[in-house]
Amino acid sequence: MKPLLHGIKSGGVKKDIREIFTSINNKSLYWKFGLVFLVIVFPLLLLVTQYLVLTTIPPRFTISYLVLNFSQPTVSGMFFSNYIHTVFTFSHVLDNYKGYLLVISLLAIVYFFIIPLLKKRHILSLNYPDVAFFATSAVFFLLFPFAGSGVSVLFGRMLGQTGTWGFSGIVWAFLAYFYFLFLMLISDIMISHFNQGSNDQSKEILESATTGTQTKRTEKPTQTTLAGSLIFLTALFIILPMYTIFLDIGNKRINVFGHFSGFVLGFLISALVVLICERQDKRGKIVLAGLLAVIIGIPAVAWMVM
């Protein structure tokens, strides 16, 4: 890890931080509005919506059009049930509100501060375009509710449940995005370090052949070791949260399969949106966008035929 540590410890970090803040200050008005909406405006809208559900919107209307009824699901219920909570208390929305604020704040810090700093230190090789962060959030808000609700209907019927509501599925999707982003960063750093090690080894061999002297070769990680490490990390990052989710099976107050769909689909959506944004060729983008549509579309309608 010597090249990596050298990149972190070398001078100029304060200058890089100043440049990052200057870059943020120079972002477009749309970029700033998007970030303010995600971190400040949307959480407030979530609270205002629940206040209206408790005080203004008739309960009959809420049950008919906003709640996800497993026996007779509606398009409006599949969408809006992800943004409302029980009509009897405010505590449910507050729990999801705090969870969302924590995760979206961490994501913003990692994406718009940590990643630019690592890129300036030449530790990362991928692009991490800003549009990927906002595009992923948009998919979670606008399209994921239908897929998550479809999974809830399917398993809810199997378990004899009646319906559900709550924002926790989307919170789990954003948490999956954070897990994916962290895993992506680790993978990027490991691959960059592996490539650096391979280049250094090639230089050593070339210098030995040129000078006719033998240099002491250090052991470098092999491709098999690198692949094995990445597979192990990926499995660990997926299995542990899913284990936590399934610990709540049997608790009728928790939509376990909403959480499950949030994490699994959130992870897949995050990966596909990043790949779409990273790809340069139009055909590749179209293929990945089609795969994204399939991953969202099948869970959204599977309950109709099963």
C-alpha atoms as a PDB file:
ATOM      1  CA  MET A   1       0.000   0.000   0.000  1.00  0.00           C
ATOM      2  CA  LYS A   2       3.008   2.284  -0.194  1.00  0.00           C
ATOM      3  CA  PRO A   3       1.898   4.276  -3.291  1.00  0.00           C
ATOM      4  CA  LEU A   4      -1.564   4.783  -1.753  1.00  0.00           C
ATOM      5  CA  LEU A   5      -0.249   6.001   1.589  1.00  0.00           C
ATOM      6  CA  HIS A   6       2.214   8.238  -0.172  1.00  0.00           C
ATOM      7  CA  GLY A   7      -0.654   9.801  -2.116  1.00  0.00           C
ATOM      8  CA  ILE A   8      -2.580  10.538   1.066  1.00  0.00           C
ATOM      9  CA  LYS A   9       0.338  11.863   3.119  1.00  0.00           C
ATOM     10  CA  SER A  10       1.948  14.024   0.479  1.00  0.00           C
ATOM     11  CA  GLY A  11       1.579  17.790   0.668  1.00  0.00           C
ATOM     12  CA  GLY A  12      -1.115  19.928  -0.869  1.00  0.00           C
ATOM     13  CA  VAL A  13      -4.141  18.425   0.900  1.00  0.00           C
ATOM     14  CA  LYS A  14      -5.228  21.816   2.250  1.00  0.00           C
ATOM     15  CA  LYS A  15      -4.955  23.268  -1.220  1.00  0.00           C
ATOM     16  CA  ASP A  16      -7.031  20.415  -2.623  1.00  0.00           C
ATOM     17  CA  ILE A  17      -9.730  20.987   0.013  1.00  0.00           C
ATOM     18  CA  ARG A  18      -9.878  24.687  -0.852  1.00  0.00           C
ATOM     19  CA  GLU A  19     -10.187  23.817  -4.533  1.00  0.00           C
ATOM     20  CA  ILE A  20     -13.020  21.360  -3.773  1.00  0.00           C
ATOM     21  CA  PHE A  21     -15.002  24.016  -1.895  1.00  0.00           C
ATOM     22  CA  THR A  22     -14.340  26.494  -4.713  1.00  0.00           C
ATOM     23  CA  SER A  23     -15.558  23.925  -7.221  1.00  0.00           C
ATOM     24  CA  ILE A  24     -18.729  23.353  -5.197  1.00  0.00           C
ATOM     25  CA  ASN A  25     -19.312  27.088  -4.990  1.00  0.00           C
ATOM     26  CA  ASN A  26     -18.980  27.317  -8.784  1.00  0.00           C
ATOM     27  CA  LYS A  27     -21.464  24.523  -9.505  1.00  0.00           C
ATOM     28  CA  SER A  28     -24.527  25.342 -11.590  1.00  0.00           C
ATOM     29  CA  LEU A  29     -27.791  26.523 -10.067  1.00  0.00           C
ATOM     30  CA  TYR A  30     -29.414  23.197 -11.029  1.00  0.00           C
ATOM     31  CA  TRP A  31     -26.723  21.262  -9.152  1.00  0.00           C
ATOM     32  CA  LYS A  32     -27.164  23.380  -6.032  1.00  0.00           C
ATOM     33  CA  PHE A  33     -30.954  23.106  -6.199  1.00  0.00           C
ATOM     34  CA  GLY A  34     -30.700  19.316  -6.562  1.00  0.00           C
ATOM     35  CA  LEU A  35     -28.492  18.969  -3.498  1.00  0.00           C
ATOM     36  CA  VAL A  36     -30.623  21.345  -1.406  1.00  0.00           C
ATOM     37  CA  PHE A  37     -33.754  19.464  -2.472  1.00  0.00           C
ATOM     38  CA  LEU A  38     -32.320  16.075  -1.470  1.00  0.00           C
ATOM     39  CA  VAL A  39     -30.858  17.164   1.870  1.00  0.00           C
ATOM     40  CA  ILE A  40     -33.313  19.854   3.041  1.00  0.00           C
ATOM     41  CA  VAL A  41     -36.475  20.291   0.950  1.00  0.00           C
ATOM     42  CA  PHE A  42     -37.493  16.656   0.482  1.00  0.00           C
ATOM     43  CA  PRO A  43     -37.196  15.682   4.172  1.00  0.00           C
ATOM     44  CA  LEU A  44     -39.384  18.676   5.053  1.00  0.00           C
ATOM     45  CA  LEU A  45     -41.925  17.644   2.399  1.00  0.00           C
ATOM     46  CA  LEU A  46     -42.022  14.192   3.983  1.00  0.00           C
ATOM     47  CA  LEU A  47     -42.938  15.719   7.348  1.00  0.00           C
ATOM     48  CA  VAL A  48     -45.495  18.103   5.824  1.00  0.00           C
ATOM     49  CA  THR A  49     -47.158  15.245   3.931  1.00  0.00           C
ATOM     50  CA  GLN A  50     -47.502  13.184   7.088  1.00  0.00           C
ATOM     51  CA  TYR A  51     -48.891  16.201   8.952  1.00  0.00           C
ATOM     52  CA  LEU A  52     -51.561  16.556   6.258  1.00  0.00           C
ATOM     53  CA  VAL A  53     -52.368  12.847   6.474  1.00  0.00           C
ATOM     54  CA  LEU A  54     -52.879  13.183  10.241  1.00  0.00           C
ATOM     55  CA  THR A  55     -54.820  16.440  10.223  1.00  0.00           C
ATOM     56  CA  THR A  56     -56.331  17.298   6.823  1.00  0.00           C
ATOM     57  CA  ILE A  57     -56.595  14.432   4.313  1.00  0.00           C
ATOM     58  CA  PRO A  58     -59.694  12.286   5.049  1.00  0.00           C
ATOM     59  CA  PRO A  59     -58.740   8.803   6.300  1.00  0.00           C
ATOM     60  CA  ARG A  60     -61.088   7.225   3.747  1.00  0.00           C
ATOM     61  CA  PHE A  61     -59.210   8.956   0.913  1.00  0.00           C
ATOM     62  CA  THR A  62     -55.869   7.860   2.370  1.00  0.00           C
ATOM     63  CA  ILE A  63     -56.991   4.236   2.636  1.00  0.00           C
ATOM     64  CA  SER A  64     -58.533   4.231  -0.855  1.00  0.00           C
ATOM     65  CA  TYR A  65     -55.819   5.962  -2.846  1.00  0.00           C
ATOM     66  CA  LEU A  66     -52.624   6.365  -0.834  1.00  0.00           C
ATOM     67  CA  VAL A  67     -52.206   3.104   1.095  1.00  0.00           C
ATOM     68  CA  LEU A  68     -50.918  -0.031  -0.667  1.00  0.00           C
ATOM     69  CA  ASN A  69     -53.768  -2.546  -0.395  1.00  0.00           C
ATOM     70  CA  PHE A  70     -52.437  -6.034  -1.143  1.00  0.00           C
ATOM     71  CA  SER A  71     -55.816  -7.412  -2.252  1.00  0.00           C
ATOM     72  CA  GLN A  72     -56.611  -4.519  -4.612  1.00  0.00           C
ATOM     73  CA  PRO A  73     -53.413  -2.539  -5.325  1.00  0.00           C
ATOM     74  CA  THR A  74     -53.760   0.701  -7.284  1.00  0.00           C
ATOM     75  CA  VAL A  75     -51.158   2.661  -9.234  1.00  0.00           C
ATOM     76  CA  SER A  76     -51.532   5.613  -6.858  1.00  0.00           C
ATOM     77  CA  GLY A  77     -51.246   3.343  -3.831  1.00  0.00           C
ATOM     78  CA  MET A  78     -48.105   1.666  -5.178  1.00  0.00           C
ATOM     79  CA  PHE A  79     -46.453   5.068  -5.502  1.00  0.00           C
ATOM     80  CA  PHE A  80     -47.761   7.219  -2.654  1.00  0.00           C
ATOM     81  CA  SER A  81     -47.689   4.471  -0.024  1.00  0.00           C
ATOM     82  CA  ASN A  82     -43.916   4.911  -0.046  1.00  0.00           C
ATOM     83  CA  TYR A  83     -44.281   8.501   1.168  1.00  0.00           C
ATOM     84  CA  ILE A  84     -46.968   8.292   3.847  1.00  0.00           C
ATOM     85  CA  HIS A  85     -47.079   6.634   7.245  1.00  0.00           C
ATOM     86  CA  THR A  86     -49.625   5.436   9.744  1.00  0.00           C
ATOM     87  CA  VAL A  87     -52.527   7.821  10.345  1.00  0.00           C
ATOM     88  CA  PHE A  88     -52.343   7.242  14.094  1.00  0.00           C
ATOM     89  CA  THR A  89     -48.898   8.556  15.045  1.00  0.00           C
ATOM     90  CA  PHE A  90     -46.040  10.810  13.945  1.00  0.00           C
ATOM     91  CA  SER A  91     -43.254   8.611  15.340  1.00  0.00           C
ATOM     92  CA  HIS A  92     -43.117   6.317  12.294  1.00  0.00           C
ATOM     93  CA  VAL A  93     -42.274   9.131   9.876  1.00  0.00           C
ATOM     94  CA  LEU A  94     -39.747  10.596  12.328  1.00  0.00           C
ATOM     95  CA  ASP A  95     -37.787   7.323  12.407  1.00  0.00           C
ATOM     96  CA  ASN A  96     -37.593   7.219   8.608  1.00  0.00           C
ATOM     97  CA  TYR A  97     -36.907  10.959   8.485  1.00  0.00           C
ATOM     98  CA  LYS A  98     -33.831  10.607  10.704  1.00  0.00           C
ATOM     99  CA  GLY A  99     -32.628   7.540   8.813  1.00  0.00           C
ATOM    100  CA  TYR A 100     -32.925   9.295   5.459  1.00  0.00           C
ATOM    101  CA  LEU A 101     -31.166  12.444   6.678  1.00  0.00           C
ATOM    102  CA  LEU A 102     -28.254  10.393   7.984  1.00  0.00           C
ATOM    103  CA  VAL A 103     -27.808   8.332   4.814  1.00  0.00           C
ATOM    104  CA  ILE A 104     -28.252  11.180   2.307  1.00  0.00           C
ATOM    105  CA  SER A 105     -25.831  13.360   4.294  1.00  0.00           C
ATOM    106  CA  LEU A 106     -23.210  10.610   4.294  1.00  0.00           C
ATOM    107  CA  LEU A 107     -23.712  10.054   0.569  1.00  0.00           C
ATOM    108  CA  ALA A 108     -23.331  13.760  -0.187  1.00  0.00           C
ATOM    109  CA  ILE A 109     -20.150  14.004   1.908  1.00  0.00           C
ATOM    110  CA  VAL A 110     -18.611  10.944   0.251  1.00  0.00           C
ATOM    111  CA  TYR A 111     -19.650  11.877  -3.272  1.00  0.00           C
ATOM    112  CA  PHE A 112     -18.900  15.595  -3.270  1.00  0.00           C
ATOM    113  CA  PHE A 113     -16.020  15.818  -0.797  1.00  0.00           C
ATOM    114  CA  ILE A 114     -14.245  12.496  -0.174  1.00  0.00           C
ATOM    115  CA  ILE A 115     -14.259  11.328  -3.796  1.00  0.00           C
ATOM    116  CA  PRO A 116     -12.971  14.644  -5.258  1.00  0.00           C
ATOM    117  CA  LEU A 117     -10.215  14.668  -2.630  1.00  0.00           C
ATOM    118  CA  LEU A 118      -9.148  11.113  -3.487  1.00  0.00           C
ATOM    119  CA  LYS A 119      -9.241  11.954  -7.197  1.00  0.00           C
ATOM    120  CA  LYS A 120      -7.000  14.963  -6.616  1.00  0.00           C
ATOM    121  CA  ARG A 121      -4.627  12.674  -4.743  1.00  0.00           C
ATOM    122  CA  HIS A 122      -4.614  10.387  -7.832  1.00  0.00           C
ATOM    123  CA  ILE A 123      -5.908   7.474  -5.776  1.00  0.00           C
ATOM    124  CA  LEU A 124      -9.023   6.797  -7.892  1.00  0.00           C
ATOM    125  CA  SER A 125      -9.271   5.995 -11.594  1.00  0.00           C
ATOM    126  CA  LEU A 126     -13.044   6.041 -12.280  1.00  0.00           C
ATOM    127  CA  ASN A 127     -14.962   9.228 -13.106  1.00  0.00           C
ATOM    128  CA  TYR A 128     -17.788   9.326 -10.490  1.00  0.00           C
ATOM    129  CA  PRO A 129     -19.796  11.960 -12.429  1.00  0.00           C
ATOM    130  CA  ASP A 130     -22.160  14.135 -10.387  1.00  0.00           C
ATOM    131  CA  VAL A 131     -25.047  13.182 -12.649  1.00  0.00           C
ATOM    132  CA  ALA A 132     -24.865   9.596 -11.330  1.00  0.00           C
ATOM    133  CA  PHE A 133     -25.685  10.775  -7.790  1.00  0.00           C
ATOM    134  CA  PHE A 134     -28.721  12.787  -8.878  1.00  0.00           C
ATOM    135  CA  ALA A 135     -29.885  10.203 -11.436  1.00  0.00           C
ATOM    136  CA  THR A 136     -29.766   7.415  -8.858  1.00  0.00           C
ATOM    137  CA  SER A 137     -31.771   9.523  -6.399  1.00  0.00           C
ATOM    138  CA  ALA A 138     -34.348  10.321  -9.099  1.00  0.00           C
ATOM    139  CA  VAL A 139     -34.799   6.627  -9.917  1.00  0.00           C
ATOM    140  CA  PHE A 140     -35.258   5.846  -6.228  1.00  0.00           C
ATOM    141  CA  PHE A 141     -37.915   8.551  -5.838  1.00  0.00           C
ATOM    142  CA  LEU A 142     -39.843   8.106  -9.088  1.00  0.00           C
ATOM    143  CA  LEU A 143     -39.478   4.477 -10.244  1.00  0.00           C
ATOM    144  CA  PHE A 144     -38.389   2.327  -7.321  1.00  0.00           C
ATOM    145  CA  PRO A 145     -41.726   2.794  -5.427  1.00  0.00           C
ATOM    146  CA  PHE A 146     -43.518   0.700  -8.064  1.00  0.00           C
ATOM    147  CA  ALA A 147     -40.938  -2.113  -7.926  1.00  0.00           C
ATOM    148  CA  GLY A 148     -40.746  -2.103  -4.119  1.00  0.00           C
ATOM    149  CA  SER A 149     -44.532  -2.086  -3.833  1.00  0.00           C
ATOM    150  CA  GLY A 150     -44.777  -4.964  -6.312  1.00  0.00           C
ATOM    151  CA  VAL A 151     -42.475  -7.085  -4.151  1.00  0.00           C
ATOM    152  CA  SER A 152     -44.476  -6.150  -1.039  1.00  0.00           C
ATOM    153  CA  VAL A 153     -47.754  -7.154  -2.708  1.00  0.00           C
ATOM    154  CA  LEU A 154     -46.350 -10.481  -3.867  1.00  0.00           C
ATOM    155  CA  PHE A 155     -44.938 -11.563  -0.509  1.00  0.00           C
ATOM    156  CA  GLY A 156     -47.643  -9.813   1.498  1.00  0.00           C
ATOM    157  CA  ARG A 157     -50.295 -11.960  -0.154  1.00  0.00           C
ATOM    158  CA  MET A 158     -48.247 -15.108   0.519  1.00  0.00           C
ATOM    159  CA  LEU A 159     -48.078 -14.204   4.216  1.00  0.00           C
ATOM    160  CA  GLY A 160     -51.754 -13.237   4.437  1.00  0.00           C
ATOM    161  CA  GLN A 161     -51.080  -9.571   5.137  1.00  0.00           C
ATOM    162  CA  THR A 162     -53.461  -6.771   4.119  1.00  0.00           C
ATOM    163  CA  GLY A 163     -51.369  -3.739   3.167  1.00  0.00           C
ATOM    164  CA  THR A 164     -48.463  -1.443   3.927  1.00  0.00           C
ATOM    165  CA  TRP A 165     -47.141   2.105   3.884  1.00  0.00           C
ATOM    166  CA  GLY A 166     -43.925   3.868   4.832  1.00  0.00           C
ATOM    167  CA  PHE A 167     -40.726   5.417   3.485  1.00  0.00           C
ATOM    168  CA  SER A 168     -38.360   2.806   4.903  1.00  0.00           C
ATOM    169  CA  GLY A 169     -38.045   0.902   1.593  1.00  0.00           C
ATOM    170  CA  ILE A 170     -36.578   3.988  -0.076  1.00  0.00           C
ATOM    171  CA  VAL A 171     -34.339   4.600   2.943  1.00  0.00           C
ATOM    172  CA  TRP A 172     -32.980   1.071   2.502  1.00  0.00           C
ATOM    173  CA  ALA A 173     -32.442   1.787  -1.208  1.00  0.00           C
ATOM    174  CA  PHE A 174     -30.316   4.831  -0.340  1.00  0.00           C
ATOM    175  CA  LEU A 175     -28.475   2.755   2.267  1.00  0.00           C
ATOM    176  CA  ALA A 176     -27.758   0.175  -0.458  1.00  0.00           C
ATOM    177  CA  TYR A 177     -26.420   3.025  -2.599  1.00  0.00           C
ATOM    178  CA  PHE A 178     -24.064   3.990   0.223  1.00  0.00           C
ATOM    179  CA  TYR A 179     -22.895   0.356   0.559  1.00  0.00           C
ATOM    180  CA  PHE A 180     -22.388   0.121  -3.199  1.00  0.00           C
ATOM    181  CA  LEU A 181     -20.501   3.410  -3.376  1.00  0.00           C
ATOM    182  CA  PHE A 182     -18.226   2.378  -0.500  1.00  0.00           C
ATOM    183  CA  LEU A 183     -17.580  -0.982  -2.160  1.00  0.00           C
ATOM    184  CA  MET A 184     -16.918   0.764  -5.479  1.00  0.00           C
ATOM    185  CA  LEU A 185     -14.353   3.034  -3.844  1.00  0.00           C
ATOM    186  CA  ILE A 186     -12.559   0.113  -2.200  1.00  0.00           C
ATOM    187  CA  SER A 187     -12.521  -1.783  -5.502  1.00  0.00           C
ATOM    188  CA  ASP A 188     -11.248   1.262  -7.388  1.00  0.00           C
ATOM    189  CA  ILE A 189      -8.443   1.795  -4.868  1.00  0.00           C
ATOM    190  CA  MET A 190      -7.455  -1.887  -4.906  1.00  0.00           C
ATOM    191  CA  ILE A 191      -7.437  -2.080  -8.708  1.00  0.00           C
ATOM    192  CA  SER A 192      -5.481   1.172  -8.994  1.00  0.00           C
ATOM    193  CA  HIS A 193      -2.947  -0.132  -6.470  1.00  0.00           C
ATOM    194  CA  PHE A 194      -2.719  -3.435  -8.358  1.00  0.00           C
ATOM    195  CA  ASN A 195      -2.100  -1.630 -11.662  1.00  0.00           C
ATOM    196  CA  GLN A 196       0.504   0.596  -9.989  1.00  0.00           C
ATOM    197  CA  GLY A 197       2.234  -2.479  -8.593  1.00  0.00           C
ATOM    198  CA  SER A 198       2.244  -4.144 -12.007  1.00  0.00           C
ATOM    199  CA  ASN A 199       3.727  -1.039 -13.615  1.00  0.00           C
ATOM    200  CA  ASP A 200       6.439  -0.808 -10.953  1.00  0.00           C
ATOM    201  CA  GLN A 201       7.299  -4.470 -11.476  1.00  0.00           C
ATOM    202  CA  SER A 202       7.553  -3.962 -15.248  1.00  0.00           C
ATOM    203  CA  LYS A 203       9.894  -1.026 -14.695  1.00  0.00           C
ATOM    204  CA  GLU A 204      12.078  -3.131 -12.380  1.00  0.00           C
ATOM    205  CA  ILE A 205      12.336  -5.880 -15.012  1.00  0.00           C
ATOM    206  CA  LEU A 206      13.155  -3.356 -17.733  1.00  0.00           C
ATOM    207  CA  GLU A 207      15.827  -1.683 -15.598  1.00  0.00           C
ATOM    208  CA  SER A 208      17.366  -5.069 -14.754  1.00  0.00           C
ATOM    209  CA  ALA A 209      17.516  -6.029 -18.414  1.00  0.00           C
ATOM    210  CA  THR A 210      19.020  -2.653 -19.361  1.00  0.00           C
ATOM    211  CA  THR A 211      21.675  -2.474 -16.643  1.00  0.00           C
ATOM    212  CA  GLY A 212      22.393  -6.188 -16.399  1.00  0.00           C
ATOM    213  CA  THR A 213      21.938  -6.129 -12.635  1.00  0.00           C
ATOM    214  CA  GLN A 214      19.530  -8.090 -10.511  1.00  0.00           C
ATOM    215  CA  THR A 215      17.038  -6.213  -8.387  1.00  0.00           C
ATOM    216  CA  LYS A 216      15.168  -7.676  -5.488  1.00  0.00           C
ATOM    217  CA  ARG A 217      11.596  -8.285  -6.653  1.00  0.00           C
ATOM    218  CA  THR A 218       8.778  -7.757  -4.235  1.00  0.00           C
ATOM    219  CA  GLU A 219       5.686  -9.917  -4.275  1.00  0.00           C
ATOM    220  CA  LYS A 220       2.732  -8.204  -5.958  1.00  0.00           C
ATOM    221  CA  PRO A 221      -0.908  -9.257  -5.590  1.00  0.00           C
ATOM    222  CA  THR A 222      -2.056 -11.537  -8.394  1.00  0.00           C
ATOM    223  CA  GLN A 223      -5.242 -11.067 -10.405  1.00  0.00           C
ATOM    224  CA  THR A 224      -6.720 -14.117  -8.657  1.00  0.00           C
ATOM    225  CA  THR A 225      -6.037 -12.614  -5.228  1.00  0.00           C
ATOM    226  CA  LEU A 226      -7.531  -9.306  -6.300  1.00  0.00           C
ATOM    227  CA  ALA A 227     -10.660 -10.934  -7.755  1.00  0.00           C
ATOM    228  CA  GLY A 228     -11.083 -13.129  -4.673  1.00  0.00           C
ATOM    229  CA  SER A 229     -10.805 -10.141  -2.355  1.00  0.00           C
ATOM    230  CA  LEU A 230     -13.381  -8.155  -4.324  1.00  0.00           C
ATOM    231  CA  ILE A 231     -15.819 -11.095  -4.421  1.00  0.00           C
ATOM    232  CA  PHE A 232     -15.449 -11.605  -0.670  1.00  0.00           C
ATOM    233  CA  LEU A 233     -16.030  -7.896   0.057  1.00  0.00           C
ATOM    234  CA  THR A 234     -19.069  -7.801  -2.222  1.00  0.00           C
ATOM    235  CA  ALA A 235     -20.603 -10.867  -0.560  1.00  0.00           C
ATOM    236  CA  LEU A 236     -19.915  -9.404   2.895  1.00  0.00           C
ATOM    237  CA  PHE A 237     -21.470  -6.048   1.986  1.00  0.00           C
ATOM    238  CA  ILE A 238     -24.617  -7.796   0.723  1.00  0.00           C
ATOM    239  CA  ILE A 239     -25.094 -10.632   3.224  1.00  0.00           C
ATOM    240  CA  LEU A 240     -24.732  -8.654   6.458  1.00  0.00           C
ATOM    241  CA  PRO A 241     -27.479  -6.060   5.744  1.00  0.00           C
ATOM    242  CA  MET A 242     -29.801  -8.764   4.406  1.00  0.00           C
ATOM    243  CA  TYR A 243     -29.246 -10.794   7.574  1.00  0.00           C
ATOM    244  CA  THR A 244     -30.242  -7.725   9.597  1.00  0.00           C
ATOM    245  CA  ILE A 245     -33.389  -7.290   7.483  1.00  0.00           C
ATOM    246  CA  PHE A 246     -34.547 -10.901   7.848  1.00  0.00           C
ATOM    247  CA  LEU A 247     -34.157 -10.792  11.624  1.00  0.00           C
ATOM    248  CA  ASP A 248     -37.483  -8.897  11.579  1.00  0.00           C
ATOM    249  CA  ILE A 249     -39.424 -11.683   9.874  1.00  0.00           C
ATOM    250  CA  GLY A 250     -42.525 -12.344  11.947  1.00  0.00           C
ATOM    251  CA  ASN A 251     -42.831  -8.754  13.117  1.00  0.00           C
ATOM    252  CA  LYS A 252     -46.129  -7.655  11.554  1.00  0.00           C
ATOM    253  CA  ARG A 253     -45.348  -4.000  12.217  1.00  0.00           C
ATOM    254  CA  ILE A 254     -42.357  -4.101   9.845  1.00  0.00           C
ATOM    255  CA  ASN A 255     -42.579  -4.607   6.091  1.00  0.00           C
ATOM    256  CA  VAL A 256     -39.586  -6.931   5.870  1.00  0.00           C
ATOM    257  CA  PHE A 257     -39.928  -7.527   2.149  1.00  0.00           C
ATOM    258  CA  GLY A 258     -40.196  -3.788   1.513  1.00  0.00           C
ATOM    259  CA  HIS A 259     -36.831  -3.427   3.243  1.00  0.00           C
ATOM    260  CA  PHE A 260     -35.494  -6.430   1.340  1.00  0.00           C
ATOM    261  CA  SER A 261     -36.573  -5.042  -2.044  1.00  0.00           C
ATOM    262  CA  GLY A 262     -35.206  -1.626  -1.058  1.00  0.00           C
ATOM    263  CA  PHE A 263     -31.746  -2.984  -0.353  1.00  0.00           C
ATOM    264  CA  VAL A 264     -31.464  -5.505  -3.207  1.00  0.00           C
ATOM    265  CA  LEU A 265     -33.046  -3.343  -5.905  1.00  0.00           C
ATOM    266  CA  GLY A 266     -31.277  -0.264  -4.531  1.00  0.00           C
ATOM    267  CA  PHE A 267     -27.936  -2.032  -4.902  1.00  0.00           C
ATOM    268  CA  LEU A 268     -28.693  -3.140  -8.472  1.00  0.00           C
ATOM    269  CA  ILE A 269     -30.113   0.255  -9.483  1.00  0.00           C
ATOM    270  CA  SER A 270     -27.050   2.025  -8.071  1.00  0.00           C
ATOM    271  CA  ALA A 271     -24.704  -0.218 -10.031  1.00  0.00           C
ATOM    272  CA  LEU A 272     -26.595   0.157 -13.306  1.00  0.00           C
ATOM    273  CA  VAL A 273     -26.987   3.940 -13.082  1.00  0.00           C
ATOM    274  CA  VAL A 274     -23.263   4.321 -12.348  1.00  0.00           C
ATOM    275  CA  LEU A 275     -22.400   2.073 -15.303  1.00  0.00           C
ATOM    276  CA  ILE A 276     -24.719   4.072 -17.577  1.00  0.00           C
ATOM    277  CA  CYS A 277     -23.072   7.333 -16.496  1.00  0.00           C
ATOM    278  CA  GLU A 278     -19.551   5.907 -16.786  1.00  0.00           C
ATOM    279  CA  ARG A 279     -20.044   4.408 -20.259  1.00  0.00           C
ATOM    280  CA  GLN A 280     -19.043   6.525 -23.249  1.00  0.00           C
ATOM    281  CA  ASP A 281     -20.681   4.554 -26.077  1.00  0.00           C
ATOM    282  CA  LYS A 282     -24.360   5.184 -26.805  1.00  0.00           C
ATOM    283  CA  ARG A 283     -25.168   1.538 -27.532  1.00  0.00           C
ATOM    284  CA  GLY A 284     -23.798   0.452 -24.171  1.00  0.00           C
ATOM    285  CA  LYS A 285     -25.870   3.088 -22.404  1.00  0.00           C
ATOM    286  CA  ILE A 286     -29.036   1.902 -24.192  1.00  0.00           C
ATOM    287  CA  VAL A 287     -28.410  -1.742 -23.275  1.00  0.00           C
ATOM    288  CA  LEU A 288     -27.821  -0.866 -19.613  1.00  0.00           C
ATOM    289  CA  ALA A 289     -30.880   1.400 -19.547  1.00  0.00           C
ATOM    290  CA  GLY A 290     -32.949  -1.489 -20.918  1.00  0.00           C
ATOM    291  CA  LEU A 291     -31.604  -3.773 -18.199  1.00  0.00           C
ATOM    292  CA  LEU A 292     -32.486  -1.130 -15.602  1.00  0.00           C
ATOM    293  CA  ALA A 293     -36.035  -0.985 -16.977  1.00  0.00           C
ATOM    294  CA  VAL A 294     -36.307  -4.781 -16.715  1.00  0.00           C
ATOM    295  CA  ILE A 295     -35.016  -4.843 -13.130  1.00  0.00           C
ATOM    296  CA  ILE A 296     -37.597  -2.244 -12.102  1.00  0.00           C
ATOM    297  CA  GLY A 297     -40.417  -3.430 -14.351  1.00  0.00           C
ATOM    298  CA  ILE A 298     -40.502  -7.142 -13.507  1.00  0.00           C
ATOM    299  CA  PRO A 299     -40.903  -6.705  -9.717  1.00  0.00           C
ATOM    300  CA  ALA A 300     -43.497  -3.977 -10.351  1.00  0.00           C
ATOM    301  CA  VAL A 301     -45.818  -6.304 -12.280  1.00  0.00           C
ATOM    302  CA  ALA A 302     -44.854  -9.824 -11.134  1.00  0.00           C
ATOM    303  CA  TRP A 303     -47.713  -9.891  -8.586  1.00  0.00           C
ATOM    304  CA  MET A 304     -50.216  -9.721 -11.468  1.00  0.00           C
ATOM    305  CA  VAL A 305     -49.301 -13.178 -12.753  1.00  0.00           C
ATOM    306  CA  MET A 306     -48.218 -14.974  -9.584  1.00  0.00           C
END
